Amino acid sequence: MITLHEVYERGSNSVKAAVLSFGARHLHDAASGPEPDWKLAELHFTYLIERIMGNTMPQQPGVAAIVRQAERHAVDFLLAVNNHPNYRCPMCVTRQLPPL
C-alpha cells in the first residue's frame, strides 16, 4: 500500500497540503511539542485505505486494482477534508467511541 510519505512526494501542492493537514490532526502529547505524530498518522492512513477496501481479501483476483482504487479514494478524502479546519481523523474518532 502507498504511504503518506509517498503520497506527499508524488502529489501536487494541494495533495501535499492535505497530507500535512492530516498529519497535524495527529499531534504528540503536550509534553512532546507541536510536531505531528507521523507514525500514528501513517497508521491511520493505512486503516483508512483498509476501511475503504472493505472485506476484499489480498488473494482475490484483481486485488491490486482494488488497492489502487482505495488509495485514490483515501487521497480524495484527504483533499475533501483539508479545507475544513475542525475535521477530525475518522480513525481517531472511531478509537474514542465507547464500545457498544
Protein backbone atom coordinates (compact mmCIF):
# COMPACT_ATOMS: atom_id res chain seq x y z
CA MET A 1 0.00 0.00 0.00
CA ILE A 2 1.02 3.56 -0.58
CA THR A 3 2.33 5.55 2.37
CA LEU A 4 1.60 9.13 3.37
CA HIS A 5 5.22 9.96 2.59
CA GLU A 6 4.81 8.59 -0.95
CA VAL A 7 1.55 10.48 -1.38
CA TYR A 8 3.34 13.65 -0.29
CA GLU A 9 6.35 13.07 -2.53
CA ARG A 10 4.27 12.29 -5.63
CA GLY A 11 1.47 14.75 -5.03
CA SER A 12 0.62 18.20 -6.25
CA ASN A 13 0.79 21.19 -3.93
CA SER A 14 -2.82 20.64 -2.85
CA VAL A 15 -2.10 16.97 -2.07
CA LYS A 16 0.99 17.95 -0.09
CA ALA A 17 -1.07 20.45 1.91
CA ALA A 18 -3.71 17.79 2.57
CA VAL A 19 -1.08 15.33 3.83
CA LEU A 20 0.41 17.97 6.14
CA SER A 21 -3.07 18.82 7.41
CA PHE A 22 -3.81 15.14 8.09
CA GLY A 23 -0.53 14.86 9.98
CA ALA A 24 -1.42 17.93 12.03
CA ARG A 25 -4.50 16.06 13.28
CA HIS A 26 -2.18 13.56 14.96
CA LEU A 27 -0.14 15.54 17.45
CA HIS A 28 2.08 14.02 20.10
CA ASP A 29 1.06 14.67 23.68
CA ALA A 30 1.58 18.19 25.05
CA ALA A 31 4.99 17.33 26.53
CA SER A 32 6.37 16.36 23.13
CA GLY A 33 5.53 19.66 21.47
CA PRO A 34 3.50 20.60 18.42
CA GLU A 35 5.10 18.16 15.97
CA PRO A 36 2.77 15.68 14.25
CA ASP A 37 2.93 12.05 15.26
CA TRP A 38 3.69 10.80 11.76
CA LYS A 39 3.75 7.15 12.81
CA LEU A 40 0.18 7.42 14.10
CA ALA A 41 -0.91 9.44 11.05
CA GLU A 42 0.62 6.79 8.78
CA LEU A 43 -1.13 4.01 10.68
CA HIS A 44 -4.47 5.81 10.45
CA PHE A 45 -3.97 6.43 6.72
CA THR A 46 -3.38 2.70 6.27
CA TYR A 47 -6.51 1.92 8.31
CA LEU A 48 -8.46 4.38 6.15
CA ILE A 49 -7.36 2.56 2.99
CA GLU A 50 -8.28 -0.77 4.56
CA ARG A 51 -11.72 0.50 5.57
CA ILE A 52 -12.33 1.78 2.04
CA MET A 53 -11.30 -1.63 0.65
CA GLY A 54 -13.76 -3.36 2.95
CA ASN A 55 -13.58 -7.13 3.11
CA THR A 56 -11.52 -7.67 -0.03
CA MET A 57 -9.07 -10.46 0.63
CA PRO A 58 -5.50 -9.99 -0.71
CA GLN A 59 -5.58 -13.29 -2.60
CA GLN A 60 -8.64 -12.38 -4.66
CA PRO A 61 -8.08 -11.71 -8.38
CA GLY A 62 -7.77 -8.05 -9.26
CA VAL A 63 -6.84 -7.01 -5.72
CA ALA A 64 -4.05 -4.72 -6.96
CA ALA A 65 -6.62 -2.62 -8.81
CA ILE A 66 -8.85 -2.58 -5.72
CA VAL A 67 -5.95 -1.41 -3.55
CA ARG A 68 -5.03 1.36 -6.02
CA GLN A 69 -8.64 2.49 -6.15
CA ALA A 70 -8.86 2.52 -2.33
CA GLU A 71 -5.62 4.51 -2.17
CA ARG A 72 -7.05 7.07 -4.62
CA HIS A 73 -10.23 7.32 -2.55
CA ALA A 74 -8.16 7.83 0.63
CA VAL A 75 -6.22 10.67 -1.03
CA ASP A 76 -9.53 12.12 -2.28
CA PHE A 77 -10.76 12.02 1.33
CA LEU A 78 -7.69 13.96 2.49
CA LEU A 79 -8.31 16.56 -0.21
CA ALA A 80 -12.01 16.81 0.64
CA VAL A 81 -11.49 17.46 4.35
CA ASN A 82 -8.37 19.59 4.03
CA ASN A 83 -10.36 22.85 3.86
CA HIS A 84 -12.38 22.04 6.97
CA PRO A 85 -10.34 23.42 9.88
CA ASN A 86 -12.05 21.38 12.59
CA TYR A 87 -12.30 17.97 10.95
CA ARG A 88 -11.11 15.02 12.96
CA CYS A 89 -9.41 11.92 11.67
CA PRO A 90 -12.12 9.25 11.33
CA MET A 91 -9.78 6.64 12.80
CA CYS A 92 -9.13 8.81 15.87
CA VAL A 93 -12.88 9.32 16.30
CA THR A 94 -13.52 5.58 15.95
CA ARG A 95 -10.92 4.82 18.62
CA GLN A 96 -12.60 7.24 21.04
CA LEU A 97 -16.11 5.84 20.68
CA PRO A 98 -17.33 3.81 23.63
CA PRO A 99 -17.86 0.09 22.99
CA LEU A 100 -21.37 -0.99 22.03
